[in-house]
């Protein structure tokens, strides 16, 4: 059974960092693309970042480029999202998802993913 569990969210001040974890079971994270999405209150879920089977990564929001790093630990079957210099506009529920394919696409579409975690809340506030 495929399962994804996010962790690592919390309340931080602007400028601080967080590392989110996406622990997977039921499949190998290095076989498929793994994506991170986020949904802020009152907004639609949006793609944040993706790591492909080959280890290549894409970031989908200009506001996060340079501040976020996606990585993978195959031994732990876990994908991470390191977020630095956090801003209040980063406040959202963050989800990870298993891709249907081994590659990341130029645009991150929900329909390219077939399993989702329950999400972890990130709140950036002073």
PDB file of N, CA and C in Angstrom:
ATOM      1  N   UNK A   1       0.848  -1.190   0.000  1.00  0.00           N
ATOM      2  CA  UNK A   1       0.000   0.000   0.000  1.00  0.00           C
ATOM      3  C   UNK A   1       0.884   1.240   0.000  1.00  0.00           C
ATOM      4  N   UNK A   2       0.614   2.116  -0.956  1.00  0.00           N
ATOM      5  CA  UNK A   2       1.407   3.339  -1.056  1.00  0.00           C
ATOM      6  C   UNK A   2       0.976   4.317   0.030  1.00  0.00           C
ATOM      7  N   UNK A   3       1.949   4.860   0.729  1.00  0.00           N
ATOM      8  CA  UNK A   3       1.651   5.841   1.773  1.00  0.00           C
ATOM      9  C   UNK A   3       2.756   6.886   1.809  1.00  0.00           C
ATOM     10  N   UNK A   4       2.354   8.131   2.011  1.00  0.00           N
ATOM     11  CA  UNK A   4       3.295   9.239   2.153  1.00  0.00           C
ATOM     12  C   UNK A   4       2.939  10.006   3.417  1.00  0.00           C
ATOM     13  N   UNK A   5       3.931  10.288   4.226  1.00  0.00           N
ATOM     14  CA  UNK A   5       3.701  10.987   5.481  1.00  0.00           C
ATOM     15  C   UNK A   5       4.653  12.173   5.565  1.00  0.00           C
ATOM     16  N   UNK A   6       4.075  13.373   5.618  1.00  0.00           N
ATOM     17  CA  UNK A   6       4.885  14.575   5.754  1.00  0.00           C
ATOM     18  C   UNK A   6       5.117  14.899   7.232  1.00  0.00           C
ATOM     19  N   UNK A   7       6.231  15.523   7.496  1.00  0.00           N
ATOM     20  CA  UNK A   7       6.530  16.003   8.844  1.00  0.00           C
ATOM     21  C   UNK A   7       7.504  17.168   8.743  1.00  0.00           C
ATOM     22  N   UNK A   8       7.703  17.840   9.867  1.00  0.00           N
ATOM     23  CA  UNK A   8       8.688  18.912   9.915  1.00  0.00           C
ATOM     24  C   UNK A   8       8.130  20.319   9.872  1.00  0.00           C
ATOM     25  N   UNK A   9       6.831  20.437   9.700  1.00  0.00           N
ATOM     26  CA  UNK A   9       6.234  21.766   9.690  1.00  0.00           C
ATOM     27  C   UNK A   9       6.209  22.364  11.088  1.00  0.00           C
ATOM     28  N   UNK A  10       5.828  23.623  11.148  1.00  0.00           N
ATOM     29  CA  UNK A  10       5.746  24.292  12.437  1.00  0.00           C
ATOM     30  C   UNK A  10       5.607  25.788  12.281  1.00  0.00           C
ATOM     31  N   UNK A  11       5.719  26.465  13.409  1.00  0.00           N
ATOM     32  CA  UNK A  11       5.643  27.930  13.451  1.00  0.00           C
ATOM     33  C   UNK A  11       7.061  28.492  13.550  1.00  0.00           C
ATOM     34  N   UNK A  12       7.422  29.314  12.594  1.00  0.00           N
ATOM     35  CA  UNK A  12       8.751  29.934  12.592  1.00  0.00           C
ATOM     36  C   UNK A  12       8.612  31.426  12.307  1.00  0.00           C
ATOM     37  N   UNK A  13       9.672  32.148  12.604  1.00  0.00           N
ATOM     38  CA  UNK A  13       9.700  33.578  12.321  1.00  0.00           C
ATOM     39  C   UNK A  13      10.252  33.826  10.920  1.00  0.00           C
ATOM     40  N   UNK A  14       9.913  34.945  10.346  1.00  0.00           N
ATOM     41  CA  UNK A  14      10.469  35.273   9.017  1.00  0.00           C
ATOM     42  C   UNK A  14      11.995  35.218   9.032  1.00  0.00           C
ATOM     43  N   UNK A  15      12.550  34.649   7.986  1.00  0.00           N
ATOM     44  CA  UNK A  15      13.987  34.516   7.875  1.00  0.00           C
ATOM     45  C   UNK A  15      14.540  33.193   8.371  1.00  0.00           C
ATOM     46  N   UNK A  16      13.725  32.462   9.114  1.00  0.00           N
ATOM     47  CA  UNK A  16      14.179  31.171   9.641  1.00  0.00           C
ATOM     48  C   UNK A  16      14.018  30.069   8.588  1.00  0.00           C
ATOM     49  N   UNK A  17      14.446  28.879   8.965  1.00  0.00           N
ATOM     50  CA  UNK A  17      14.443  27.744   8.041  1.00  0.00           C
ATOM     51  C   UNK A  17      13.647  26.579   8.609  1.00  0.00           C
ATOM     52  N   UNK A  18      13.201  25.731   7.713  1.00  0.00           N
ATOM     53  CA  UNK A  18      12.554  24.474   8.076  1.00  0.00           C
ATOM     54  C   UNK A  18      12.960  23.424   7.062  1.00  0.00           C
ATOM     55  N   UNK A  19      13.000  22.173   7.508  1.00  0.00           N
ATOM     56  CA  UNK A  19      13.171  21.073   6.581  1.00  0.00           C
ATOM     57  C   UNK A  19      11.980  20.137   6.712  1.00  0.00           C
ATOM     58  N   UNK A  20      11.233  20.034   5.640  1.00  0.00           N
ATOM     59  CA  UNK A  20      10.097  19.131   5.605  1.00  0.00           C
ATOM     60  C   UNK A  20      10.551  17.766   5.109  1.00  0.00           C
ATOM     61  N   UNK A  21       9.950  16.730   5.670  1.00  0.00           N
ATOM     62  CA  UNK A  21      10.250  15.365   5.262  1.00  0.00           C
ATOM     63  C   UNK A  21       9.004  14.707   4.686  1.00  0.00           C
ATOM     64  N   UNK A  22       9.221  13.874   3.704  1.00  0.00           N
ATOM     65  CA  UNK A  22       8.149  13.082   3.102  1.00  0.00           C
ATOM     66  C   UNK A  22       8.617  11.631   3.132  1.00  0.00           C
ATOM     67  N   UNK A  23       8.108  10.898   4.116  1.00  0.00           N
ATOM     68  CA  UNK A  23       8.498   9.513   4.286  1.00  0.00           C
ATOM     69  C   UNK A  23       7.540   8.615   3.522  1.00  0.00           C
ATOM     70  N   UNK A  24       8.085   7.780   2.639  1.00  0.00           N
ATOM     71  CA  UNK A  24       7.247   6.962   1.776  1.00  0.00           C
ATOM     72  C   UNK A  24       7.324   5.495   2.144  1.00  0.00           C
ATOM     73  N   UNK A  25       6.243   4.782   1.881  1.00  0.00           N
ATOM     74  CA  UNK A  25       6.203   3.337   2.029  1.00  0.00           C
ATOM     75  C   UNK A  25       5.351   2.764   0.913  1.00  0.00           C
ATOM     76  N   UNK A  26       5.626   1.514   0.573  1.00  0.00           N
ATOM     77  CA  UNK A  26       4.850   0.864  -0.475  1.00  0.00           C
ATOM     78  C   UNK A  26       5.406   1.052  -1.873  1.00  0.00           C
ATOM     79  N   UNK A  27       6.436   1.857  -1.993  1.00  0.00           N
ATOM     80  CA  UNK A  27       7.112   2.061  -3.281  1.00  0.00           C
ATOM     81  C   UNK A  27       8.466   2.701  -2.988  1.00  0.00           C
ATOM     82  N   UNK A  28       9.317   2.744  -3.986  1.00  0.00           N
ATOM     83  CA  UNK A  28      10.645   3.353  -3.835  1.00  0.00           C
ATOM     84  C   UNK A  28      10.634   4.769  -4.391  1.00  0.00           C
ATOM     85  N   UNK A  29      11.063   5.722  -3.569  1.00  0.00           N
ATOM     86  CA  UNK A  29      11.014   7.127  -3.987  1.00  0.00           C
ATOM     87  C   UNK A  29      11.970   7.417  -5.140  1.00  0.00           C
ATOM     88  N   UNK A  30      12.923   6.533  -5.382  1.00  0.00           N
ATOM     89  CA  UNK A  30      13.855   6.786  -6.484  1.00  0.00           C
ATOM     90  C   UNK A  30      13.377   6.146  -7.789  1.00  0.00           C
ATOM     91  N   UNK A  31      12.145   5.638  -7.806  1.00  0.00           N
ATOM     92  CA  UNK A  31      11.568   5.099  -9.032  1.00  0.00           C
ATOM     93  C   UNK A  31      10.632   6.088  -9.727  1.00  0.00           C
ATOM     94  N   UNK A  32      10.140   7.059  -8.964  1.00  0.00           N
ATOM     95  CA  UNK A  32       9.132   7.985  -9.464  1.00  0.00           C
ATOM     96  C   UNK A  32       9.530   9.423  -9.138  1.00  0.00           C
ATOM     97  N   UNK A  33       8.941  10.360  -9.864  1.00  0.00           N
ATOM     98  CA  UNK A  33       9.057  11.753  -9.469  1.00  0.00           C
ATOM     99  C   UNK A  33       8.261  11.962  -8.179  1.00  0.00           C
ATOM    100  N   UNK A  34       8.790  12.773  -7.307  1.00  0.00           N
ATOM    101  CA  UNK A  34       8.106  13.154  -6.074  1.00  0.00           C
ATOM    102  C   UNK A  34       7.963  14.669  -6.078  1.00  0.00           C
ATOM    103  N   UNK A  35       6.759  15.110  -5.846  1.00  0.00           N
ATOM    104  CA  UNK A  35       6.494  16.550  -5.877  1.00  0.00           C
ATOM    105  C   UNK A  35       6.083  17.093  -4.522  1.00  0.00           C
ATOM    106  N   UNK A  36       6.385  18.352  -4.318  1.00  0.00           N
ATOM    107  CA  UNK A  36       5.879  19.097  -3.170  1.00  0.00           C
ATOM    108  C   UNK A  36       4.906  20.160  -3.678  1.00  0.00           C
ATOM    109  N   UNK A  37       3.787  20.256  -2.987  1.00  0.00           N
ATOM    110  CA  UNK A  37       2.772  21.247  -3.283  1.00  0.00           C
ATOM    111  C   UNK A  37       2.474  22.006  -1.996  1.00  0.00           C
ATOM    112  N   UNK A  38       1.797  23.141  -2.135  1.00  0.00           N
ATOM    113  CA  UNK A  38       1.339  23.841  -0.941  1.00  0.00           C
ATOM    114  C   UNK A  38       0.001  24.504  -1.209  1.00  0.00           C
ATOM    115  N   UNK A  39      -0.766  24.660  -0.145  1.00  0.00           N
ATOM    116  CA  UNK A  39      -2.061  25.311  -0.250  1.00  0.00           C
ATOM    117  C   UNK A  39      -2.216  26.291   0.891  1.00  0.00           C
ATOM    118  N   UNK A  40      -2.277  27.559   0.532  1.00  0.00           N
ATOM    119  CA  UNK A  40      -2.474  28.614   1.510  1.00  0.00           C
ATOM    120  C   UNK A  40      -3.972  28.809   1.746  1.00  0.00           C
ATOM    121  N   UNK A  41      -4.346  29.372   2.886  1.00  0.00           N
ATOM    122  CA  UNK A  41      -5.774  29.595   3.175  1.00  0.00           C
ATOM    123  C   UNK A  41      -6.445  30.409   2.069  1.00  0.00           C
ATOM    124  N   UNK A  42      -7.552  29.883   1.575  1.00  0.00           N
ATOM    125  CA  UNK A  42      -8.313  30.591   0.567  1.00  0.00           C
ATOM    126  C   UNK A  42      -7.745  30.527  -0.836  1.00  0.00           C
ATOM    127  N   UNK A  43      -6.682  29.744  -1.006  1.00  0.00           N
ATOM    128  CA  UNK A  43      -6.057  29.654  -2.325  1.00  0.00           C
ATOM    129  C   UNK A  43      -6.037  28.222  -2.812  1.00  0.00           C
ATOM    130  N   UNK A  44      -5.834  28.067  -4.101  1.00  0.00           N
ATOM    131  CA  UNK A  44      -5.728  26.742  -4.676  1.00  0.00           C
ATOM    132  C   UNK A  44      -4.356  26.142  -4.363  1.00  0.00           C
ATOM    133  N   UNK A  45      -4.318  24.823  -4.372  1.00  0.00           N
ATOM    134  CA  UNK A  45      -3.032  24.140  -4.186  1.00  0.00           C
ATOM    135  C   UNK A  45      -2.125  24.429  -5.381  1.00  0.00           C
ATOM    136  N   UNK A  46      -0.873  24.695  -5.098  1.00  0.00           N
ATOM    137  CA  UNK A  46       0.075  25.033  -6.162  1.00  0.00           C
ATOM    138  C   UNK A  46       1.332  24.177  -6.030  1.00  0.00           C
ATOM    139  N   UNK A  47       1.945  23.919  -7.164  1.00  0.00           N
ATOM    140  CA  UNK A  47       3.177  23.162  -7.165  1.00  0.00           C
ATOM    141  C   UNK A  47       4.333  23.992  -6.673  1.00  0.00           C
ATOM    142  N   UNK A  48       5.226  23.355  -5.939  1.00  0.00           N
ATOM    143  CA  UNK A  48       6.385  24.035  -5.374  1.00  0.00           C
ATOM    144  C   UNK A  48       7.674  23.504  -5.984  1.00  0.00           C
ATOM    145  N   UNK A  49       7.836  22.188  -5.918  1.00  0.00           N
ATOM    146  CA  UNK A  49       9.102  21.608  -6.355  1.00  0.00           C
ATOM    147  C   UNK A  49       8.890  20.149  -6.709  1.00  0.00           C
ATOM    148  N   UNK A  50       9.816  19.610  -7.492  1.00  0.00           N
ATOM    149  CA  UNK A  50       9.733  18.218  -7.917  1.00  0.00           C
ATOM    150  C   UNK A  50      11.138  17.662  -8.066  1.00  0.00           C
ATOM    151  N   UNK A  51      11.300  16.392  -7.694  1.00  0.00           N
ATOM    152  CA  UNK A  51      12.560  15.709  -7.924  1.00  0.00           C
ATOM    153  C   UNK A  51      12.271  14.470  -8.755  1.00  0.00           C
ATOM    154  N   UNK A  52      13.038  14.289  -9.814  1.00  0.00           N
ATOM    155  CA  UNK A  52      12.792  13.191 -10.728  1.00  0.00           C
ATOM    156  C   UNK A  52      13.547  11.936 -10.305  1.00  0.00           C
ATOM    157  N   UNK A  53      13.300  10.861 -11.011  1.00  0.00           N
ATOM    158  CA  UNK A  53      13.983   9.604 -10.724  1.00  0.00           C
ATOM    159  C   UNK A  53      15.501   9.776 -10.853  1.00  0.00           C
ATOM    160  N   UNK A  54      15.920  10.562 -11.815  1.00  0.00           N
ATOM    161  CA  UNK A  54      17.353  10.779 -12.044  1.00  0.00           C
ATOM    162  C   UNK A  54      17.985  11.693 -11.006  1.00  0.00           C
ATOM    163  N   UNK A  55      17.152  12.325 -10.200  1.00  0.00           N
ATOM    164  CA  UNK A  55      17.671  13.239  -9.191  1.00  0.00           C
ATOM    165  C   UNK A  55      17.620  14.697  -9.581  1.00  0.00           C
ATOM    166  N   UNK A  56      17.222  14.952 -10.812  1.00  0.00           N
ATOM    167  CA  UNK A  56      17.062  16.338 -11.235  1.00  0.00           C
ATOM    168  C   UNK A  56      15.867  16.976 -10.547  1.00  0.00           C
ATOM    169  N   UNK A  57      15.905  18.281 -10.409  1.00  0.00           N
ATOM    170  CA  UNK A  57      14.821  18.951  -9.692  1.00  0.00           C
ATOM    171  C   UNK A  57      14.327  20.165 -10.464  1.00  0.00           C
ATOM    172  N   UNK A  58      13.083  20.516 -10.190  1.00  0.00           N
ATOM    173  CA  UNK A  58      12.470  21.708 -10.748  1.00  0.00           C
ATOM    174  C   UNK A  58      11.753  22.455  -9.629  1.00  0.00           C
ATOM    175  N   UNK A  59      11.773  23.757  -9.705  1.00  0.00           N
ATOM    176  CA  UNK A  59      11.003  24.601  -8.784  1.00  0.00           C
ATOM    177  C   UNK A  59      10.022  25.407  -9.616  1.00  0.00           C
ATOM    178  N   UNK A  60       8.792  25.524  -9.126  1.00  0.00           N
ATOM    179  CA  UNK A  60       7.711  26.022  -9.960  1.00  0.00           C
ATOM    180  C   UNK A  60       7.229  27.424  -9.616  1.00  0.00           C
ATOM    181  N   UNK A  61       7.742  28.002  -8.585  1.00  0.00           N
ATOM    182  CA  UNK A  61       7.300  29.318  -8.172  1.00  0.00           C
ATOM    183  C   UNK A  61       8.523  30.206  -8.087  1.00  0.00           C
ATOM    184  N   UNK A  62       8.502  31.310  -8.809  1.00  0.00           N
ATOM    185  CA  UNK A  62       9.658  32.207  -8.793  1.00  0.00           C
ATOM    186  C   UNK A  62       9.968  32.701  -7.390  1.00  0.00           C
ATOM    187  N   UNK A  63       8.943  32.759  -6.550  1.00  0.00           N
ATOM    188  CA  UNK A  63       9.159  33.289  -5.204  1.00  0.00           C
ATOM    189  C   UNK A  63       9.969  32.352  -4.322  1.00  0.00           C
ATOM    190  N   UNK A  64      10.080  31.073  -4.714  1.00  0.00           N
ATOM    191  CA  UNK A  64      10.810  30.121  -3.876  1.00  0.00           C
ATOM    192  C   UNK A  64      12.177  29.776  -4.433  1.00  0.00           C
ATOM    193  N   UNK A  65      12.407  30.134  -5.696  1.00  0.00           N
ATOM    194  CA  UNK A  65      13.688  29.795  -6.309  1.00  0.00           C
ATOM    195  C   UNK A  65      14.821  30.449  -5.538  1.00  0.00           C
ATOM    196  N   UNK A  66      15.836  29.663  -5.253  1.00  0.00           N
ATOM    197  CA  UNK A  66      16.969  30.151  -4.485  1.00  0.00           C
ATOM    198  C   UNK A  66      16.815  29.969  -2.988  1.00  0.00           C
ATOM    199  N   UNK A  67      15.603  29.689  -2.547  1.00  0.00           N
ATOM    200  CA  UNK A  67      15.349  29.504  -1.120  1.00  0.00           C
ATOM    201  C   UNK A  67      15.006  28.068  -0.762  1.00  0.00           C
ATOM    202  N   UNK A  68      14.587  27.277  -1.748  1.00  0.00           N
ATOM    203  CA  UNK A  68      14.172  25.903  -1.488  1.00  0.00           C
ATOM    204  C   UNK A  68      15.094  24.912  -2.190  1.00  0.00           C
ATOM    205  N   UNK A  69      15.342  23.814  -1.501  1.00  0.00           N
ATOM    206  CA  UNK A  69      16.116  22.725  -2.072  1.00  0.00           C
ATOM    207  C   UNK A  69      15.372  21.426  -1.830  1.00  0.00           C
ATOM    208  N   UNK A  70      15.168  20.657  -2.882  1.00  0.00           N
ATOM    209  CA  UNK A  70      14.541  19.340  -2.746  1.00  0.00           C
ATOM    210  C   UNK A  70      15.622  18.292  -2.874  1.00  0.00           C
ATOM    211  N   UNK A  71      15.559  17.287  -2.024  1.00  0.00           N
ATOM    212  CA  UNK A  71      16.564  16.233  -2.042  1.00  0.00           C
ATOM    213  C   UNK A  71      15.930  14.912  -1.649  1.00  0.00           C
ATOM    214  N   UNK A  72      16.714  13.849  -1.766  1.00  0.00           N
ATOM    215  CA  UNK A  72      16.159  12.513  -1.546  1.00  0.00           C
ATOM    216  C   UNK A  72      17.209  11.641  -0.864  1.00  0.00           C
ATOM    217  N   UNK A  73      16.749  10.837   0.086  1.00  0.00           N
ATOM    218  CA  UNK A  73      17.594   9.832   0.736  1.00  0.00           C
ATOM    219  C   UNK A  73      16.995   8.476   0.404  1.00  0.00           C
ATOM    220  N   UNK A  74      17.594   7.784  -0.545  1.00  0.00           N
ATOM    221  CA  UNK A  74      17.034   6.517  -1.003  1.00  0.00           C
ATOM    222  C   UNK A  74      17.033   5.465   0.115  1.00  0.00           C
ATOM    223  N   UNK A  75      18.058   5.473   0.940  1.00  0.00           N
ATOM    224  CA  UNK A  75      18.151   4.483   2.020  1.00  0.00           C
ATOM    225  C   UNK A  75      17.006   4.639   3.018  1.00  0.00           C
ATOM    226  N   UNK A  76      16.583   5.886   3.226  1.00  0.00           N
ATOM    227  CA  UNK A  76      15.482   6.149   4.157  1.00  0.00           C
ATOM    228  C   UNK A  76      14.137   6.235   3.434  1.00  0.00           C
ATOM    229  N   UNK A  77      14.183   6.138   2.102  1.00  0.00           N
ATOM    230  CA  UNK A  77      12.962   6.244   1.289  1.00  0.00           C
ATOM    231  C   UNK A  77      12.203   7.533   1.619  1.00  0.00           C
ATOM    232  N   UNK A  78      12.932   8.598   1.698  1.00  0.00           N
ATOM    233  CA  UNK A  78      12.385   9.879   2.145  1.00  0.00           C
ATOM    234  C   UNK A  78      12.860  11.003   1.217  1.00  0.00           C
ATOM    235  N   UNK A  79      11.952  11.930   0.970  1.00  0.00           N
ATOM    236  CA  UNK A  79      12.267  13.128   0.200  1.00  0.00           C
ATOM    237  C   UNK A  79      12.143  14.328   1.126  1.00  0.00           C
ATOM    238  N   UNK A  80      13.063  15.273   0.977  1.00  0.00           N
ATOM    239  CA  UNK A  80      13.103  16.438   1.852  1.00  0.00           C
ATOM    240  C   UNK A  80      12.866  17.723   1.057  1.00  0.00           C
ATOM    241  N   UNK A  81      12.337  18.706   1.746  1.00  0.00           N
ATOM    242  CA  UNK A  81      12.233  20.051   1.186  1.00  0.00           C
ATOM    243  C   UNK A  81      12.836  21.011   2.197  1.00  0.00           C
ATOM    244  N   UNK A  82      14.032  21.480   1.905  1.00  0.00           N
ATOM    245  CA  UNK A  82      14.702  22.445   2.762  1.00  0.00           C
ATOM    246  C   UNK A  82      14.252  23.839   2.369  1.00  0.00           C
ATOM    247  N   UNK A  83      13.713  24.564   3.315  1.00  0.00           N
ATOM    248  CA  UNK A  83      13.198  25.905   3.044  1.00  0.00           C
ATOM    249  C   UNK A  83      13.957  26.911   3.896  1.00  0.00           C
ATOM    250  N   UNK A  84      14.629  27.834   3.243  1.00  0.00           N
ATOM    251  CA  UNK A  84      15.416  28.859   3.927  1.00  0.00           C
ATOM    252  C   UNK A  84      14.799  30.240   3.709  1.00  0.00           C
ATOM    253  N   UNK A  85      15.193  31.163   4.573  1.00  0.00           N
ATOM    254  CA  UNK A  85      14.731  32.553   4.457  1.00  0.00           C
ATOM    255  C   UNK A  85      13.210  32.613   4.284  1.00  0.00           C
ATOM    256  N   UNK A  86      12.509  31.925   5.160  1.00  0.00           N
ATOM    257  CA  UNK A  86      11.060  31.822   5.028  1.00  0.00           C
ATOM    258  C   UNK A  86      10.391  33.177   5.173  1.00  0.00           C
ATOM    259  N   UNK A  87       9.298  33.335   4.429  1.00  0.00           N
ATOM    260  CA  UNK A  87       8.536  34.576   4.413  1.00  0.00           C
ATOM    261  C   UNK A  87       7.098  34.297   4.853  1.00  0.00           C
ATOM    262  N   UNK A  88       6.385  35.288   5.332  1.00  0.00           N
ATOM    263  CA  UNK A  88       4.988  35.060   5.725  1.00  0.00           C
ATOM    264  C   UNK A  88       4.146  34.471   4.591  1.00  0.00           C
ATOM    265  N   UNK A  89       4.452  34.826   3.356  1.00  0.00           N
ATOM    266  CA  UNK A  89       3.686  34.289   2.226  1.00  0.00           C
ATOM    267  C   UNK A  89       3.969  32.820   1.938  1.00  0.00           C
ATOM    268  N   UNK A  90       4.933  32.246   2.641  1.00  0.00           N
ATOM    269  CA  UNK A  90       5.174  30.801   2.538  1.00  0.00           C
ATOM    270  C   UNK A  90       4.223  30.010   3.434  1.00  0.00           C
ATOM    271  N   UNK A  91       3.457  30.689   4.241  1.00  0.00           N
ATOM    272  CA  UNK A  91       2.506  30.014   5.133  1.00  0.00           C
ATOM    273  C   UNK A  91       1.489  29.223   4.323  1.00  0.00           C
ATOM    274  N   UNK A  92       1.406  27.937   4.607  1.00  0.00           N
ATOM    275  CA  UNK A  92       0.526  27.040   3.862  1.00  0.00           C
ATOM    276  C   UNK A  92       0.616  25.642   4.455  1.00  0.00           C
ATOM    277  N   UNK A  93      -0.287  24.786   4.008  1.00  0.00           N
ATOM    278  CA  UNK A  93      -0.142  23.359   4.255  1.00  0.00           C
ATOM    279  C   UNK A  93       0.670  22.796   3.087  1.00  0.00           C
ATOM    280  N   UNK A  94       1.726  22.071   3.430  1.00  0.00           N
ATOM    281  CA  UNK A  94       2.614  21.517   2.418  1.00  0.00           C
ATOM    282  C   UNK A  94       2.341  20.016   2.275  1.00  0.00           C
ATOM    283  N   UNK A  95       2.197  19.590   1.033  1.00  0.00           N
ATOM    284  CA  UNK A  95       1.912  18.198   0.715  1.00  0.00           C
ATOM    285  C   UNK A  95       3.008  17.627  -0.177  1.00  0.00           C
ATOM    286  N   UNK A  96       3.301  16.357   0.020  1.00  0.00           N
ATOM    287  CA  UNK A  96       4.129  15.671  -0.961  1.00  0.00           C
ATOM    288  C   UNK A  96       3.252  14.663  -1.698  1.00  0.00           C
ATOM    289  N   UNK A  97       3.690  14.332  -2.901  1.00  0.00           N
ATOM    290  CA  UNK A  97       2.892  13.448  -3.741  1.00  0.00           C
ATOM    291  C   UNK A  97       3.794  12.580  -4.600  1.00  0.00           C
ATOM    292  N   UNK A  98       3.333  11.382  -4.873  1.00  0.00           N
ATOM    293  CA  UNK A  98       4.056  10.441  -5.724  1.00  0.00           C
ATOM    294  C   UNK A  98       3.625  10.658  -7.174  1.00  0.00           C
ATOM    295  N   UNK A  99       4.587  10.844  -8.039  1.00  0.00           N
ATOM    296  CA  UNK A  99       4.270  11.014  -9.440  1.00  0.00           C
ATOM    297  C   UNK A  99       3.882   9.719 -10.117  1.00  0.00           C
ATOM    298  N   UNK A 100       3.144   9.848 -11.193  1.00  0.00           N
ATOM    299  CA  UNK A 100       2.799   8.675 -12.001  1.00  0.00           C
ATOM    300  C   UNK A 100       3.972   8.275 -12.880  1.00  0.00           C
ATOM    301  N   UNK A 101       4.896   9.200 -13.087  1.00  0.00           N
ATOM    302  CA  UNK A 101       5.992   9.006 -14.013  1.00  0.00           C
ATOM    303  C   UNK A 101       7.326   9.276 -13.306  1.00  0.00           C
ATOM    304  N   UNK A 102       8.430   8.895 -13.917  1.00  0.00           N
ATOM    305  CA  UNK A 102       9.736   9.117 -13.279  1.00  0.00           C
ATOM    306  C   UNK A 102      10.309  10.512 -13.509  1.00  0.00           C
ATOM    307  N   UNK A 103       9.613  11.334 -14.284  1.00  0.00           N
ATOM    308  CA  UNK A 103      10.157  12.639 -14.626  1.00  0.00           C
ATOM    309  C   UNK A 103       9.284  13.752 -14.078  1.00  0.00           C
ATOM    310  N   UNK A 104       9.891  14.914 -13.942  1.00  0.00           N
ATOM    311  CA  UNK A 104       9.173  16.125 -13.573  1.00  0.00           C
ATOM    312  C   UNK A 104       8.861  16.891 -14.859  1.00  0.00           C
ATOM    313  N   UNK A 105       7.681  17.464 -14.911  1.00  0.00           N
ATOM    314  CA  UNK A 105       7.275  18.193 -16.096  1.00  0.00           C
ATOM    315  C   UNK A 105       7.436  19.686 -15.894  1.00  0.00           C
ATOM    316  N   UNK A 106       7.427  20.404 -16.997  1.00  0.00           N
ATOM    317  CA  UNK A 106       7.668  21.848 -16.948  1.00  0.00           C
ATOM    318  C   UNK A 106       6.622  22.566 -16.104  1.00  0.00           C
ATOM    319  N   UNK A 107       5.431  22.049 -16.083  1.00  0.00           N
ATOM    320  CA  UNK A 107       4.394  22.585 -15.196  1.00  0.00           C
ATOM    321  C   UNK A 107       3.941  21.468 -14.274  1.00  0.00           C
ATOM    322  N   UNK A 108       3.710  21.810 -13.018  1.00  0.00           N
ATOM    323  CA  UNK A 108       3.364  20.782 -12.034  1.00  0.00           C
ATOM    324  C   UNK A 108       1.847  20.688 -11.941  1.00  0.00           C
ATOM    325  N   UNK A 109       1.324  19.605 -12.468  1.00  0.00           N
ATOM    326  CA  UNK A 109      -0.108  19.390 -12.560  1.00  0.00           C
ATOM    327  C   UNK A 109      -0.510  18.297 -11.582  1.00  0.00           C
ATOM    328  N   UNK A 110      -1.571  18.563 -10.821  1.00  0.00           N
ATOM    329  CA  UNK A 110      -2.040  17.562  -9.856  1.00  0.00           C
ATOM    330  C   UNK A 110      -2.311  16.205 -10.503  1.00  0.00           C
ATOM    331  N   UNK A 111      -2.737  16.215 -11.751  1.00  0.00           N
ATOM    332  CA  UNK A 111      -3.133  14.962 -12.400  1.00  0.00           C
ATOM    333  C   UNK A 111      -1.934  14.083 -12.747  1.00  0.00           C
ATOM    334  N   UNK A 112      -0.728  14.608 -12.620  1.00  0.00           N
ATOM    335  CA  UNK A 112       0.482  13.811 -12.849  1.00  0.00           C
ATOM    336  C   UNK A 112       0.903  13.053 -11.601  1.00  0.00           C
ATOM    337  N   UNK A 113       0.121  13.176 -10.528  1.00  0.00           N
ATOM    338  CA  UNK A 113       0.447  12.533  -9.254  1.00  0.00           C
ATOM    339  C   UNK A 113      -0.719  11.657  -8.812  1.00  0.00           C
ATOM    340  N   UNK A 114      -0.408  10.514  -8.223  1.00  0.00           N
ATOM    341  CA  UNK A 114      -1.483   9.579  -7.908  1.00  0.00           C
ATOM    342  C   UNK A 114      -1.609   9.218  -6.432  1.00  0.00           C
ATOM    343  N   UNK A 115      -0.702   9.677  -5.599  1.00  0.00           N
ATOM    344  CA  UNK A 115      -0.830   9.432  -4.162  1.00  0.00           C
ATOM    345  C   UNK A 115      -0.336  10.662  -3.417  1.00  0.00           C
ATOM    346  N   UNK A 116      -1.024  10.985  -2.330  1.00  0.00           N
ATOM    347  CA  UNK A 116      -0.749  12.222  -1.594  1.00  0.00           C
ATOM    348  C   UNK A 116      -0.621  11.941  -0.106  1.00  0.00           C
ATOM    349  N   UNK A 117       0.192  12.750   0.541  1.00  0.00           N
ATOM    350  CA  UNK A 117       0.249  12.714   1.992  1.00  0.00           C
ATOM    351  C   UNK A 117      -0.849  13.570   2.587  1.00  0.00           C
ATOM    352  N   UNK A 118      -0.879  13.611   3.910  1.00  0.00           N
ATOM    353  CA  UNK A 118      -1.939  14.327   4.605  1.00  0.00           C
ATOM    354  C   UNK A 118      -1.609  15.804   4.795  1.00  0.00           C
ATOM    355  N   UNK A 119      -0.365  16.170   4.577  1.00  0.00           N
ATOM    356  CA  UNK A 119       0.058  17.561   4.673  1.00  0.00           C
ATOM    357  C   UNK A 119       0.659  17.907   6.022  1.00  0.00           C
ATOM    358  N   UNK A 120       1.490  18.935   6.018  1.00  0.00           N
ATOM    359  CA  UNK A 120       2.074  19.466   7.246  1.00  0.00           C
ATOM    360  C   UNK A 120       1.988  20.991   7.195  1.00  0.00           C
ATOM    361  N   UNK A 121       1.574  21.585   8.309  1.00  0.00           N
ATOM    362  CA  UNK A 121       1.347  23.026   8.344  1.00  0.00           C
ATOM    363  C   UNK A 121       2.655  23.772   8.559  1.00  0.00           C
ATOM    364  N   UNK A 122       2.885  24.768   7.728  1.00  0.00           N
ATOM    365  CA  UNK A 122       4.007  25.695   7.904  1.00  0.00           C
ATOM    366  C   UNK A 122       3.430  27.084   8.107  1.00  0.00           C
ATOM    367  N   UNK A 123       3.777  27.699   9.218  1.00  0.00           N
ATOM    368  CA  UNK A 123       3.317  29.049   9.520  1.00  0.00           C
ATOM    369  C   UNK A 123       4.523  29.936   9.770  1.00  0.00           C
ATOM    370  N   UNK A 124       4.609  31.006   9.007  1.00  0.00           N
ATOM    371  CA  UNK A 124       5.716  31.949   9.138  1.00  0.00           C
ATOM    372  C   UNK A 124       5.137  33.270   9.640  1.00  0.00           C
ATOM    373  N   UNK A 125       5.470  33.600  10.859  1.00  0.00           N
ATOM    374  CA  UNK A 125       4.882  34.781  11.468  1.00  0.00           C
ATOM    375  C   UNK A 125       5.784  35.304  12.569  1.00  0.00           C
ATOM    376  N   UNK A 126       5.807  36.616  12.704  1.00  0.00           N
ATOM    377  CA  UNK A 126       6.568  37.217  13.796  1.00  0.00           C
ATOM    378  C   UNK A 126       5.665  37.460  14.996  1.00  0.00           C
TER     379      UNK A 126
END
